[in-house]
Protein backbone atom coordinates (compact mmCIF):
# COMPACT_ATOMS: atom_id res chain seq x y z
CA UNK A 1 0.00 0.00 0.00
CA UNK A 2 1.31 3.41 -0.96
CA UNK A 3 2.56 5.74 1.75
CA UNK A 4 1.13 8.70 -0.18
CA UNK A 5 -2.57 9.26 0.19
CA UNK A 6 -4.34 8.98 -3.18
CA UNK A 7 -6.26 11.95 -4.46
CA UNK A 8 -9.97 11.91 -3.67
CA UNK A 9 -12.11 11.88 -6.84
CA UNK A 10 -13.66 15.15 -5.70
CA UNK A 11 -10.37 16.91 -6.36
CA UNK A 12 -10.47 15.65 -9.95
CA UNK A 13 -14.04 16.86 -10.31
CA UNK A 14 -13.01 20.28 -9.07
CA UNK A 15 -9.82 20.62 -11.12
CA UNK A 16 -10.57 18.65 -14.26
CA UNK A 17 -14.23 19.48 -14.74
CA UNK A 18 -15.29 22.61 -12.86
CA UNK A 19 -12.07 24.61 -13.13
CA UNK A 20 -11.08 23.35 -16.59
CA UNK A 21 -14.46 24.09 -18.15
CA UNK A 22 -15.32 27.11 -15.97
CA UNK A 23 -18.42 25.40 -14.63
CA UNK A 24 -20.26 25.93 -11.39
CA UNK A 25 -21.35 23.13 -9.12
CA UNK A 26 -24.95 23.90 -10.13
CA UNK A 27 -24.10 23.55 -13.81
CA UNK A 28 -22.38 20.20 -13.34
CA UNK A 29 -25.20 18.97 -11.12
CA UNK A 30 -27.74 19.87 -13.78
CA UNK A 31 -25.67 18.34 -16.56
CA UNK A 32 -25.44 14.95 -14.86
CA UNK A 33 -28.82 15.01 -13.12
CA UNK A 34 -27.85 15.16 -9.46
CA UNK A 35 -28.26 17.77 -6.75
CA UNK A 36 -25.79 20.57 -6.15
CA UNK A 37 -25.39 19.10 -2.67
CA UNK A 38 -24.12 15.83 -4.18
CA UNK A 39 -21.46 17.67 -6.19
CA UNK A 40 -20.52 19.81 -3.19
CA UNK A 41 -20.15 16.76 -0.94
CA UNK A 42 -17.98 15.01 -3.55
CA UNK A 43 -15.72 18.02 -3.93
CA UNK A 44 -15.41 18.45 -0.18
CA UNK A 45 -14.65 14.75 0.32
CA UNK A 46 -17.77 14.12 2.37
CA UNK A 47 -19.11 11.66 -0.20
CA UNK A 48 -17.55 9.01 -2.36
CA UNK A 49 -18.18 8.21 -6.00
CA UNK A 50 -20.88 5.55 -6.27
CA UNK A 51 -21.46 3.33 -9.29
CA UNK A 52 -24.34 5.63 -10.31
CA UNK A 53 -22.21 8.77 -10.07
CA UNK A 54 -19.36 7.00 -11.90
CA UNK A 55 -21.69 6.21 -14.80
CA UNK A 56 -22.87 9.82 -14.98
CA UNK A 57 -19.38 11.33 -14.74
CA UNK A 58 -18.07 8.87 -17.33
CA UNK A 59 -20.77 9.81 -19.80
CA UNK A 60 -20.22 13.53 -19.20
CA UNK A 61 -16.42 13.37 -19.45
CA UNK A 62 -16.20 10.71 -22.18
CA UNK A 63 -14.26 8.43 -19.85
CA UNK A 64 -15.17 5.08 -18.36
CA UNK A 65 -16.99 4.49 -15.09
CA UNK A 66 -14.03 2.35 -14.04
CA UNK A 67 -11.81 5.43 -14.03
CA UNK A 68 -14.00 7.07 -11.40
CA UNK A 69 -14.54 3.89 -9.40
CA UNK A 70 -10.82 3.06 -9.42
CA UNK A 71 -10.02 6.54 -8.07
CA UNK A 72 -12.55 6.01 -5.29
CA UNK A 73 -11.35 2.48 -4.53
CA UNK A 74 -7.72 3.58 -4.26
CA UNK A 75 -8.75 6.37 -1.88
CA UNK A 76 -10.97 4.10 0.23
CA UNK A 77 -8.35 1.35 0.53
CA UNK A 78 -5.69 3.83 1.60
CA UNK A 79 -8.03 5.36 4.18
CA UNK A 80 -9.02 1.95 5.57
CA UNK A 81 -5.43 0.71 5.75
CA UNK A 82 -4.31 3.82 7.64
CA UNK A 83 -7.13 3.93 10.16
CA UNK A 84 -5.43 3.44 13.56
CA UNK A 85 -7.91 0.83 14.79
CA UNK A 86 -7.44 -1.21 11.62
CA UNK A 87 -3.64 -1.06 11.52
CA UNK A 88 -3.20 -3.20 14.62
CA UNK A 89 -6.01 -5.54 13.59
CA UNK A 90 -4.48 -6.07 10.14
CA UNK A 91 -1.08 -6.79 11.71
CA UNK A 92 -2.64 -9.52 13.86
CA UNK A 93 -4.15 -11.39 10.92
CA UNK A 94 -2.02 -14.28 9.70
CA UNK A 95 -2.24 -15.40 6.08
CA UNK A 96 -3.93 -18.69 5.34
CA UNK A 97 -1.38 -21.34 4.49
CA UNK A 98 -2.63 -24.17 2.32
PDB file of N, CA and C in Angstrom:
ATOM      1  N   UNK A   1       0.846  -1.179   0.000  1.00  0.00           N
ATOM      2  CA  UNK A   1       0.000   0.000   0.000  1.00  0.00           C
ATOM      3  C   UNK A   1       0.890   1.240   0.000  1.00  0.00           C
ATOM      4  N   UNK A   2       0.537   2.184  -0.809  1.00  0.00           N
ATOM      5  CA  UNK A   2       1.312   3.408  -0.960  1.00  0.00           C
ATOM      6  C   UNK A   2       1.327   4.224   0.331  1.00  0.00           C
ATOM      7  N   UNK A   3       2.458   4.855   0.591  1.00  0.00           N
ATOM      8  CA  UNK A   3       2.558   5.736   1.750  1.00  0.00           C
ATOM      9  C   UNK A   3       1.858   7.061   1.472  1.00  0.00           C
ATOM     10  N   UNK A   4       1.773   7.442   0.199  1.00  0.00           N
ATOM     11  CA  UNK A   4       1.129   8.697  -0.179  1.00  0.00           C
ATOM     12  C   UNK A   4      -0.365   8.486  -0.356  1.00  0.00           C
ATOM     13  N   UNK A   5      -1.119   9.349   0.275  1.00  0.00           N
ATOM     14  CA  UNK A   5      -2.572   9.258   0.193  1.00  0.00           C
ATOM     15  C   UNK A   5      -3.024   9.572  -1.234  1.00  0.00           C
ATOM     16  N   UNK A   6      -3.831   8.697  -1.833  1.00  0.00           N
ATOM     17  CA  UNK A   6      -4.337   8.978  -3.182  1.00  0.00           C
ATOM     18  C   UNK A   6      -5.260  10.197  -3.171  1.00  0.00           C
ATOM     19  N   UNK A   7      -5.389  10.797  -4.305  1.00  0.00           N
ATOM     20  CA  UNK A   7      -6.259  11.954  -4.457  1.00  0.00           C
ATOM     21  C   UNK A   7      -7.721  11.509  -4.458  1.00  0.00           C
ATOM     22  N   UNK A   8      -8.529  12.193  -3.688  1.00  0.00           N
ATOM     23  CA  UNK A   8      -9.968  11.910  -3.671  1.00  0.00           C
ATOM     24  C   UNK A   8     -10.557  12.312  -5.033  1.00  0.00           C
ATOM     25  N   UNK A   9     -11.509  11.538  -5.543  1.00  0.00           N
ATOM     26  CA  UNK A   9     -12.108  11.880  -6.841  1.00  0.00           C
ATOM     27  C   UNK A   9     -12.707  13.289  -6.883  1.00  0.00           C
ATOM     28  N   UNK A  10     -13.119  13.796  -5.743  1.00  0.00           N
ATOM     29  CA  UNK A  10     -13.658  15.154  -5.699  1.00  0.00           C
ATOM     30  C   UNK A  10     -12.672  16.207  -6.162  1.00  0.00           C
ATOM     31  N   UNK A  11     -11.390  15.970  -5.897  1.00  0.00           N
ATOM     32  CA  UNK A  11     -10.368  16.912  -6.362  1.00  0.00           C
ATOM     33  C   UNK A  11     -10.284  16.909  -7.882  1.00  0.00           C
ATOM     34  N   UNK A  12     -10.453  15.729  -8.488  1.00  0.00           N
ATOM     35  CA  UNK A  12     -10.466  15.651  -9.947  1.00  0.00           C
ATOM     36  C   UNK A  12     -11.692  16.343 -10.519  1.00  0.00           C
ATOM     37  N   UNK A  13     -12.826  16.190  -9.854  1.00  0.00           N
ATOM     38  CA  UNK A  13     -14.044  16.858 -10.310  1.00  0.00           C
ATOM     39  C   UNK A  13     -13.837  18.368 -10.275  1.00  0.00           C
ATOM     40  N   UNK A  14     -13.255  18.854  -9.187  1.00  0.00           N
ATOM     41  CA  UNK A  14     -13.012  20.284  -9.067  1.00  0.00           C
ATOM     42  C   UNK A  14     -12.032  20.779 -10.137  1.00  0.00           C
ATOM     43  N   UNK A  15     -10.881  20.141 -10.224  1.00  0.00           N
ATOM     44  CA  UNK A  15      -9.821  20.620 -11.117  1.00  0.00           C
ATOM     45  C   UNK A  15     -10.081  20.318 -12.589  1.00  0.00           C
ATOM     46  N   UNK A  16     -10.490  19.088 -12.862  1.00  0.00           N
ATOM     47  CA  UNK A  16     -10.569  18.649 -14.264  1.00  0.00           C
ATOM     48  C   UNK A  16     -11.918  18.896 -14.927  1.00  0.00           C
ATOM     49  N   UNK A  17     -12.927  19.186 -14.136  1.00  0.00           N
ATOM     50  CA  UNK A  17     -14.227  19.484 -14.736  1.00  0.00           C
ATOM     51  C   UNK A  17     -14.612  20.940 -14.454  1.00  0.00           C
ATOM     52  N   UNK A  18     -14.806  21.261 -13.188  1.00  0.00           N
ATOM     53  CA  UNK A  18     -15.287  22.606 -12.860  1.00  0.00           C
ATOM     54  C   UNK A  18     -14.296  23.698 -13.257  1.00  0.00           C
ATOM     55  N   UNK A  19     -13.057  23.572 -12.815  1.00  0.00           N
ATOM     56  CA  UNK A  19     -12.065  24.605 -13.126  1.00  0.00           C
ATOM     57  C   UNK A  19     -11.726  24.626 -14.613  1.00  0.00           C
ATOM     58  N   UNK A  20     -11.490  23.452 -15.174  1.00  0.00           N
ATOM     59  CA  UNK A  20     -11.076  23.349 -16.587  1.00  0.00           C
ATOM     60  C   UNK A  20     -12.130  23.924 -17.539  1.00  0.00           C
ATOM     61  N   UNK A  21     -13.389  23.655 -17.251  1.00  0.00           N
ATOM     62  CA  UNK A  21     -14.457  24.087 -18.151  1.00  0.00           C
ATOM     63  C   UNK A  21     -15.244  25.284 -17.611  1.00  0.00           C
ATOM     64  N   UNK A  22     -14.710  25.906 -16.557  1.00  0.00           N
ATOM     65  CA  UNK A  22     -15.324  27.108 -15.972  1.00  0.00           C
ATOM     66  C   UNK A  22     -16.802  26.878 -15.669  1.00  0.00           C
ATOM     67  N   UNK A  23     -17.056  25.767 -15.000  1.00  0.00           N
ATOM     68  CA  UNK A  23     -18.420  25.403 -14.631  1.00  0.00           C
ATOM     69  C   UNK A  23     -18.647  25.637 -13.152  1.00  0.00           C
ATOM     70  N   UNK A  24     -19.889  25.862 -12.800  1.00  0.00           N
ATOM     71  CA  UNK A  24     -20.260  25.933 -11.386  1.00  0.00           C
ATOM     72  C   UNK A  24     -20.728  24.548 -10.943  1.00  0.00           C
ATOM     73  N   UNK A  25     -20.829  24.381  -9.648  1.00  0.00           N
ATOM     74  CA  UNK A  25     -21.351  23.129  -9.119  1.00  0.00           C
ATOM     75  C   UNK A  25     -22.788  22.918  -9.594  1.00  0.00           C
ATOM     76  N   UNK A  26     -23.565  23.992  -9.646  1.00  0.00           N
ATOM     77  CA  UNK A  26     -24.947  23.901 -10.133  1.00  0.00           C
ATOM     78  C   UNK A  26     -24.994  23.428 -11.580  1.00  0.00           C
ATOM     79  N   UNK A  27     -24.117  23.943 -12.405  1.00  0.00           N
ATOM     80  CA  UNK A  27     -24.097  23.554 -13.813  1.00  0.00           C
ATOM     81  C   UNK A  27     -23.751  22.083 -13.982  1.00  0.00           C
ATOM     82  N   UNK A  28     -22.747  21.616 -13.252  1.00  0.00           N
ATOM     83  CA  UNK A  28     -22.380  20.204 -13.343  1.00  0.00           C
ATOM     84  C   UNK A  28     -23.505  19.332 -12.807  1.00  0.00           C
ATOM     85  N   UNK A  29     -24.090  19.734 -11.692  1.00  0.00           N
ATOM     86  CA  UNK A  29     -25.197  18.965 -11.119  1.00  0.00           C
ATOM     87  C   UNK A  29     -26.331  18.823 -12.132  1.00  0.00           C
ATOM     88  N   UNK A  30     -26.682  19.913 -12.776  1.00  0.00           N
ATOM     89  CA  UNK A  30     -27.742  19.873 -13.783  1.00  0.00           C
ATOM     90  C   UNK A  30     -27.374  19.014 -14.975  1.00  0.00           C
ATOM     91  N   UNK A  31     -26.126  19.087 -15.388  1.00  0.00           N
ATOM     92  CA  UNK A  31     -25.665  18.342 -16.561  1.00  0.00           C
ATOM     93  C   UNK A  31     -25.702  16.835 -16.350  1.00  0.00           C
ATOM     94  N   UNK A  32     -25.461  16.398 -15.101  1.00  0.00           N
ATOM     95  CA  UNK A  32     -25.444  14.946 -14.864  1.00  0.00           C
ATOM     96  C   UNK A  32     -26.661  14.465 -14.058  1.00  0.00           C
ATOM     97  N   UNK A  33     -27.575  15.393 -13.758  1.00  0.00           N
ATOM     98  CA  UNK A  33     -28.824  15.006 -13.122  1.00  0.00           C
ATOM     99  C   UNK A  33     -28.747  14.634 -11.659  1.00  0.00           C
ATOM    100  N   UNK A  34     -27.925  15.361 -10.915  1.00  0.00           N
ATOM    101  CA  UNK A  34     -27.847  15.161  -9.464  1.00  0.00           C
ATOM    102  C   UNK A  34     -28.025  16.515  -8.791  1.00  0.00           C
ATOM    103  N   UNK A  35     -28.110  16.504  -7.476  1.00  0.00           N
ATOM    104  CA  UNK A  35     -28.262  17.768  -6.749  1.00  0.00           C
ATOM    105  C   UNK A  35     -26.917  18.489  -6.613  1.00  0.00           C
ATOM    106  N   UNK A  36     -27.003  19.787  -6.409  1.00  0.00           N
ATOM    107  CA  UNK A  36     -25.792  20.567  -6.153  1.00  0.00           C
ATOM    108  C   UNK A  36     -25.116  20.047  -4.886  1.00  0.00           C
ATOM    109  N   UNK A  37     -25.923  19.633  -3.926  1.00  0.00           N
ATOM    110  CA  UNK A  37     -25.389  19.099  -2.674  1.00  0.00           C
ATOM    111  C   UNK A  37     -24.500  17.883  -2.939  1.00  0.00           C
ATOM    112  N   UNK A  38     -24.922  17.015  -3.841  1.00  0.00           N
ATOM    113  CA  UNK A  38     -24.124  15.831  -4.184  1.00  0.00           C
ATOM    114  C   UNK A  38     -22.757  16.249  -4.709  1.00  0.00           C
ATOM    115  N   UNK A  39     -22.744  17.201  -5.621  1.00  0.00           N
ATOM    116  CA  UNK A  39     -21.465  17.675  -6.188  1.00  0.00           C
ATOM    117  C   UNK A  39     -20.627  18.314  -5.093  1.00  0.00           C
ATOM    118  N   UNK A  40     -21.246  19.139  -4.264  1.00  0.00           N
ATOM    119  CA  UNK A  40     -20.525  19.806  -3.188  1.00  0.00           C
ATOM    120  C   UNK A  40     -19.918  18.806  -2.218  1.00  0.00           C
ATOM    121  N   UNK A  41     -20.663  17.773  -1.861  1.00  0.00           N
ATOM    122  CA  UNK A  41     -20.153  16.762  -0.936  1.00  0.00           C
ATOM    123  C   UNK A  41     -19.017  15.956  -1.563  1.00  0.00           C
ATOM    124  N   UNK A  42     -19.090  15.701  -2.847  1.00  0.00           N
ATOM    125  CA  UNK A  42     -17.984  15.013  -3.547  1.00  0.00           C
ATOM    126  C   UNK A  42     -16.727  15.873  -3.510  1.00  0.00           C
ATOM    127  N   UNK A  43     -16.862  17.117  -3.870  1.00  0.00           N
ATOM    128  CA  UNK A  43     -15.717  18.024  -3.933  1.00  0.00           C
ATOM    129  C   UNK A  43     -15.079  18.226  -2.565  1.00  0.00           C
ATOM    130  N   UNK A  44     -15.914  18.237  -1.538  1.00  0.00           N
ATOM    131  CA  UNK A  44     -15.412  18.451  -0.178  1.00  0.00           C
ATOM    132  C   UNK A  44     -15.109  17.153   0.556  1.00  0.00           C
ATOM    133  N   UNK A  45     -15.042  16.059  -0.198  1.00  0.00           N
ATOM    134  CA  UNK A  45     -14.649  14.747   0.322  1.00  0.00           C
ATOM    135  C   UNK A  45     -15.540  14.243   1.449  1.00  0.00           C
ATOM    136  N   UNK A  46     -16.802  14.621   1.395  1.00  0.00           N
ATOM    137  CA  UNK A  46     -17.767  14.118   2.374  1.00  0.00           C
ATOM    138  C   UNK A  46     -18.629  13.014   1.757  1.00  0.00           C
ATOM    139  N   UNK A  47     -18.372  12.697   0.511  1.00  0.00           N
ATOM    140  CA  UNK A  47     -19.107  11.655  -0.197  1.00  0.00           C
ATOM    141  C   UNK A  47     -18.145  11.001  -1.174  1.00  0.00           C
ATOM    142  N   UNK A  48     -18.356   9.723  -1.385  1.00  0.00           N
ATOM    143  CA  UNK A  48     -17.553   9.005  -2.360  1.00  0.00           C
ATOM    144  C   UNK A  48     -18.305   8.845  -3.669  1.00  0.00           C
ATOM    145  N   UNK A  49     -17.583   8.453  -4.687  1.00  0.00           N
ATOM    146  CA  UNK A  49     -18.180   8.206  -5.996  1.00  0.00           C
ATOM    147  C   UNK A  49     -18.832   6.823  -5.979  1.00  0.00           C
ATOM    148  N   UNK A  50     -20.125   6.799  -6.180  1.00  0.00           N
ATOM    149  CA  UNK A  50     -20.878   5.549  -6.269  1.00  0.00           C
ATOM    150  C   UNK A  50     -20.867   5.059  -7.714  1.00  0.00           C
ATOM    151  N   UNK A  51     -21.361   3.858  -7.925  1.00  0.00           N
ATOM    152  CA  UNK A  51     -21.461   3.332  -9.292  1.00  0.00           C
ATOM    153  C   UNK A  51     -22.341   4.245 -10.143  1.00  0.00           C
ATOM    154  N   UNK A  52     -23.439   4.733  -9.578  1.00  0.00           N
ATOM    155  CA  UNK A  52     -24.336   5.626 -10.311  1.00  0.00           C
ATOM    156  C   UNK A  52     -23.631   6.918 -10.715  1.00  0.00           C
ATOM    157  N   UNK A  53     -22.937   7.531  -9.771  1.00  0.00           N
ATOM    158  CA  UNK A  53     -22.210   8.772 -10.071  1.00  0.00           C
ATOM    159  C   UNK A  53     -21.097   8.495 -11.078  1.00  0.00           C
ATOM    160  N   UNK A  54     -20.424   7.364 -10.946  1.00  0.00           N
ATOM    161  CA  UNK A  54     -19.357   7.001 -11.895  1.00  0.00           C
ATOM    162  C   UNK A  54     -19.906   6.906 -13.317  1.00  0.00           C
ATOM    163  N   UNK A  55     -21.070   6.308 -13.477  1.00  0.00           N
ATOM    164  CA  UNK A  55     -21.691   6.210 -14.802  1.00  0.00           C
ATOM    165  C   UNK A  55     -21.998   7.590 -15.369  1.00  0.00           C
ATOM    166  N   UNK A  56     -22.515   8.460 -14.537  1.00  0.00           N
ATOM    167  CA  UNK A  56     -22.873   9.817 -14.981  1.00  0.00           C
ATOM    168  C   UNK A  56     -21.631  10.635 -15.342  1.00  0.00           C
ATOM    169  N   UNK A  57     -20.612  10.583 -14.463  1.00  0.00           N
ATOM    170  CA  UNK A  57     -19.381  11.335 -14.742  1.00  0.00           C
ATOM    171  C   UNK A  57     -18.678  10.798 -15.985  1.00  0.00           C
ATOM    172  N   UNK A  58     -18.702   9.480 -16.152  1.00  0.00           N
ATOM    173  CA  UNK A  58     -18.068   8.874 -17.326  1.00  0.00           C
ATOM    174  C   UNK A  58     -18.729   9.345 -18.604  1.00  0.00           C
ATOM    175  N   UNK A  59     -20.037   9.354 -18.618  1.00  0.00           N
ATOM    176  CA  UNK A  59     -20.767   9.812 -19.804  1.00  0.00           C
ATOM    177  C   UNK A  59     -20.448  11.275 -20.086  1.00  0.00           C
ATOM    178  N   UNK A  60     -20.459  12.093 -19.042  1.00  0.00           N
ATOM    179  CA  UNK A  60     -20.224  13.527 -19.197  1.00  0.00           C
ATOM    180  C   UNK A  60     -18.799  13.830 -19.660  1.00  0.00           C
ATOM    181  N   UNK A  61     -17.825  13.083 -19.150  1.00  0.00           N
ATOM    182  CA  UNK A  61     -16.418  13.365 -19.453  1.00  0.00           C
ATOM    183  C   UNK A  61     -15.836  12.493 -20.561  1.00  0.00           C
ATOM    184  N   UNK A  62     -16.662  11.629 -21.139  1.00  0.00           N
ATOM    185  CA  UNK A  62     -16.205  10.708 -22.181  1.00  0.00           C
ATOM    186  C   UNK A  62     -15.056   9.829 -21.678  1.00  0.00           C
ATOM    187  N   UNK A  63     -15.209   9.373 -20.441  1.00  0.00           N
ATOM    188  CA  UNK A  63     -14.257   8.435 -19.851  1.00  0.00           C
ATOM    189  C   UNK A  63     -15.025   7.155 -19.544  1.00  0.00           C
ATOM    190  N   UNK A  64     -14.451   6.298 -18.744  1.00  0.00           N
ATOM    191  CA  UNK A  64     -15.167   5.080 -18.362  1.00  0.00           C
ATOM    192  C   UNK A  64     -15.567   5.183 -16.888  1.00  0.00           C
ATOM    193  N   UNK A  65     -16.631   4.487 -16.502  1.00  0.00           N
ATOM    194  CA  UNK A  65     -16.995   4.494 -15.089  1.00  0.00           C
ATOM    195  C   UNK A  65     -15.887   3.900 -14.218  1.00  0.00           C
ATOM    196  N   UNK A  66     -15.126   2.971 -14.787  1.00  0.00           N
ATOM    197  CA  UNK A  66     -14.029   2.347 -14.039  1.00  0.00           C
ATOM    198  C   UNK A  66     -12.983   3.367 -13.602  1.00  0.00           C
ATOM    199  N   UNK A  67     -12.760   4.379 -14.413  1.00  0.00           N
ATOM    200  CA  UNK A  67     -11.813   5.435 -14.034  1.00  0.00           C
ATOM    201  C   UNK A  67     -12.231   6.042 -12.703  1.00  0.00           C
ATOM    202  N   UNK A  68     -13.493   6.411 -12.601  1.00  0.00           N
ATOM    203  CA  UNK A  68     -13.998   7.066 -11.396  1.00  0.00           C
ATOM    204  C   UNK A  68     -14.059   6.107 -10.219  1.00  0.00           C
ATOM    205  N   UNK A  69     -14.479   4.873 -10.478  1.00  0.00           N
ATOM    206  CA  UNK A  69     -14.543   3.889  -9.397  1.00  0.00           C
ATOM    207  C   UNK A  69     -13.154   3.491  -8.913  1.00  0.00           C
ATOM    208  N   UNK A  70     -12.192   3.393  -9.818  1.00  0.00           N
ATOM    209  CA  UNK A  70     -10.817   3.065  -9.416  1.00  0.00           C
ATOM    210  C   UNK A  70     -10.212   4.172  -8.561  1.00  0.00           C
ATOM    211  N   UNK A  71     -10.494   5.428  -8.906  1.00  0.00           N
ATOM    212  CA  UNK A  71     -10.023   6.543  -8.073  1.00  0.00           C
ATOM    213  C   UNK A  71     -10.604   6.424  -6.664  1.00  0.00           C
ATOM    214  N   UNK A  72     -11.900   6.127  -6.594  1.00  0.00           N
ATOM    215  CA  UNK A  72     -12.553   6.013  -5.293  1.00  0.00           C
ATOM    216  C   UNK A  72     -12.027   4.816  -4.512  1.00  0.00           C
ATOM    217  N   UNK A  73     -11.847   3.692  -5.192  1.00  0.00           N
ATOM    218  CA  UNK A  73     -11.355   2.483  -4.530  1.00  0.00           C
ATOM    219  C   UNK A  73      -9.951   2.693  -3.959  1.00  0.00           C
ATOM    220  N   UNK A  74      -9.080   3.311  -4.734  1.00  0.00           N
ATOM    221  CA  UNK A  74      -7.718   3.579  -4.255  1.00  0.00           C
ATOM    222  C   UNK A  74      -7.762   4.454  -3.005  1.00  0.00           C
ATOM    223  N   UNK A  75      -8.607   5.463  -3.031  1.00  0.00           N
ATOM    224  CA  UNK A  75      -8.747   6.367  -1.883  1.00  0.00           C
ATOM    225  C   UNK A  75      -9.289   5.610  -0.669  1.00  0.00           C
ATOM    226  N   UNK A  76     -10.349   4.837  -0.874  1.00  0.00           N
ATOM    227  CA  UNK A  76     -10.974   4.099   0.226  1.00  0.00           C
ATOM    228  C   UNK A  76     -10.027   3.070   0.847  1.00  0.00           C
ATOM    229  N   UNK A  77      -9.293   2.346   0.010  1.00  0.00           N
ATOM    230  CA  UNK A  77      -8.351   1.351   0.530  1.00  0.00           C
ATOM    231  C   UNK A  77      -7.243   2.009   1.348  1.00  0.00           C
ATOM    232  N   UNK A  78      -6.734   3.115   0.862  1.00  0.00           N
ATOM    233  CA  UNK A  78      -5.686   3.827   1.600  1.00  0.00           C
ATOM    234  C   UNK A  78      -6.229   4.289   2.953  1.00  0.00           C
ATOM    235  N   UNK A  79      -7.417   4.891   2.936  1.00  0.00           N
ATOM    236  CA  UNK A  79      -8.028   5.365   4.183  1.00  0.00           C
ATOM    237  C   UNK A  79      -8.209   4.209   5.169  1.00  0.00           C
ATOM    238  N   UNK A  80      -8.760   3.100   4.692  1.00  0.00           N
ATOM    239  CA  UNK A  80      -9.016   1.951   5.566  1.00  0.00           C
ATOM    240  C   UNK A  80      -7.723   1.373   6.126  1.00  0.00           C
ATOM    241  N   UNK A  81      -6.684   1.320   5.303  1.00  0.00           N
ATOM    242  CA  UNK A  81      -5.434   0.714   5.754  1.00  0.00           C
ATOM    243  C   UNK A  81      -4.629   1.627   6.673  1.00  0.00           C
ATOM    244  N   UNK A  82      -5.010   2.882   6.765  1.00  0.00           N
ATOM    245  CA  UNK A  82      -4.307   3.817   7.635  1.00  0.00           C
ATOM    246  C   UNK A  82      -5.135   4.236   8.845  1.00  0.00           C
ATOM    247  N   UNK A  83      -6.298   3.658   9.000  1.00  0.00           N
ATOM    248  CA  UNK A  83      -7.134   3.934  10.164  1.00  0.00           C
ATOM    249  C   UNK A  83      -6.489   3.246  11.369  1.00  0.00           C
ATOM    250  N   UNK A  84      -6.163   4.011  12.420  1.00  0.00           N
ATOM    251  CA  UNK A  84      -5.432   3.435  13.557  1.00  0.00           C
ATOM    252  C   UNK A  84      -6.014   2.133  14.106  1.00  0.00           C
ATOM    253  N   UNK A  85      -7.319   2.055  14.229  1.00  0.00           N
ATOM    254  CA  UNK A  85      -7.912   0.833  14.789  1.00  0.00           C
ATOM    255  C   UNK A  85      -7.735  -0.364  13.862  1.00  0.00           C
ATOM    256  N   UNK A  86      -7.604  -0.110  12.579  1.00  0.00           N
ATOM    257  CA  UNK A  86      -7.439  -1.205  11.618  1.00  0.00           C
ATOM    258  C   UNK A  86      -5.985  -1.649  11.488  1.00  0.00           C
ATOM    259  N   UNK A  87      -5.063  -0.738  11.693  1.00  0.00           N
ATOM    260  CA  UNK A  87      -3.642  -1.062  11.522  1.00  0.00           C
ATOM    261  C   UNK A  87      -3.242  -2.218  12.425  1.00  0.00           C
ATOM    262  N   UNK A  88      -3.585  -2.118  13.699  1.00  0.00           N
ATOM    263  CA  UNK A  88      -3.199  -3.197  14.622  1.00  0.00           C
ATOM    264  C   UNK A  88      -3.970  -4.480  14.328  1.00  0.00           C
ATOM    265  N   UNK A  89      -5.228  -4.359  13.944  1.00  0.00           N
ATOM    266  CA  UNK A  89      -6.007  -5.537  13.594  1.00  0.00           C
ATOM    267  C   UNK A  89      -5.400  -6.238  12.378  1.00  0.00           C
ATOM    268  N   UNK A  90      -5.058  -5.482  11.350  1.00  0.00           N
ATOM    269  CA  UNK A  90      -4.485  -6.069  10.143  1.00  0.00           C
ATOM    270  C   UNK A  90      -3.144  -6.761  10.434  1.00  0.00           C
ATOM    271  N   UNK A  91      -2.368  -6.172  11.346  1.00  0.00           N
ATOM    272  CA  UNK A  91      -1.081  -6.790  11.709  1.00  0.00           C
ATOM    273  C   UNK A  91      -1.282  -8.118  12.407  1.00  0.00           C
ATOM    274  N   UNK A  92      -2.410  -8.277  13.104  1.00  0.00           N
ATOM    275  CA  UNK A  92      -2.637  -9.518  13.856  1.00  0.00           C
ATOM    276  C   UNK A  92      -3.172 -10.660  12.988  1.00  0.00           C
ATOM    277  N   UNK A  93      -3.596 -10.342  11.787  1.00  0.00           N
ATOM    278  CA  UNK A  93      -4.153 -11.392  10.915  1.00  0.00           C
ATOM    279  C   UNK A  93      -3.014 -12.129  10.230  1.00  0.00           C
ATOM    280  N   UNK A  94      -3.043 -13.426  10.330  1.00  0.00           N
ATOM    281  CA  UNK A  94      -2.018 -14.275   9.697  1.00  0.00           C
ATOM    282  C   UNK A  94      -2.575 -14.839   8.402  1.00  0.00           C
ATOM    283  N   UNK A  95      -1.784 -14.847   7.361  1.00  0.00           N
ATOM    284  CA  UNK A  95      -2.240 -15.395   6.077  1.00  0.00           C
ATOM    285  C   UNK A  95      -2.591 -16.878   6.194  1.00  0.00           C
ATOM    286  N   UNK A  96      -3.533 -17.288   5.413  1.00  0.00           N
ATOM    287  CA  UNK A  96      -3.930 -18.687   5.341  1.00  0.00           C
ATOM    288  C   UNK A  96      -2.861 -19.455   4.581  1.00  0.00           C
ATOM    289  N   UNK A  97      -2.407 -20.540   5.141  1.00  0.00           N
ATOM    290  CA  UNK A  97      -1.379 -21.339   4.494  1.00  0.00           C
ATOM    291  C   UNK A  97      -2.030 -22.664   4.082  1.00  0.00           C
ATOM    292  N   UNK A  98      -1.987 -22.936   2.809  1.00  0.00           N
ATOM    293  CA  UNK A  98      -2.626 -24.167   2.316  1.00  0.00           C
ATOM    294  C   UNK A  98      -1.700 -25.358   2.428  1.00  0.00           C
TER     295      UNK A  98
END
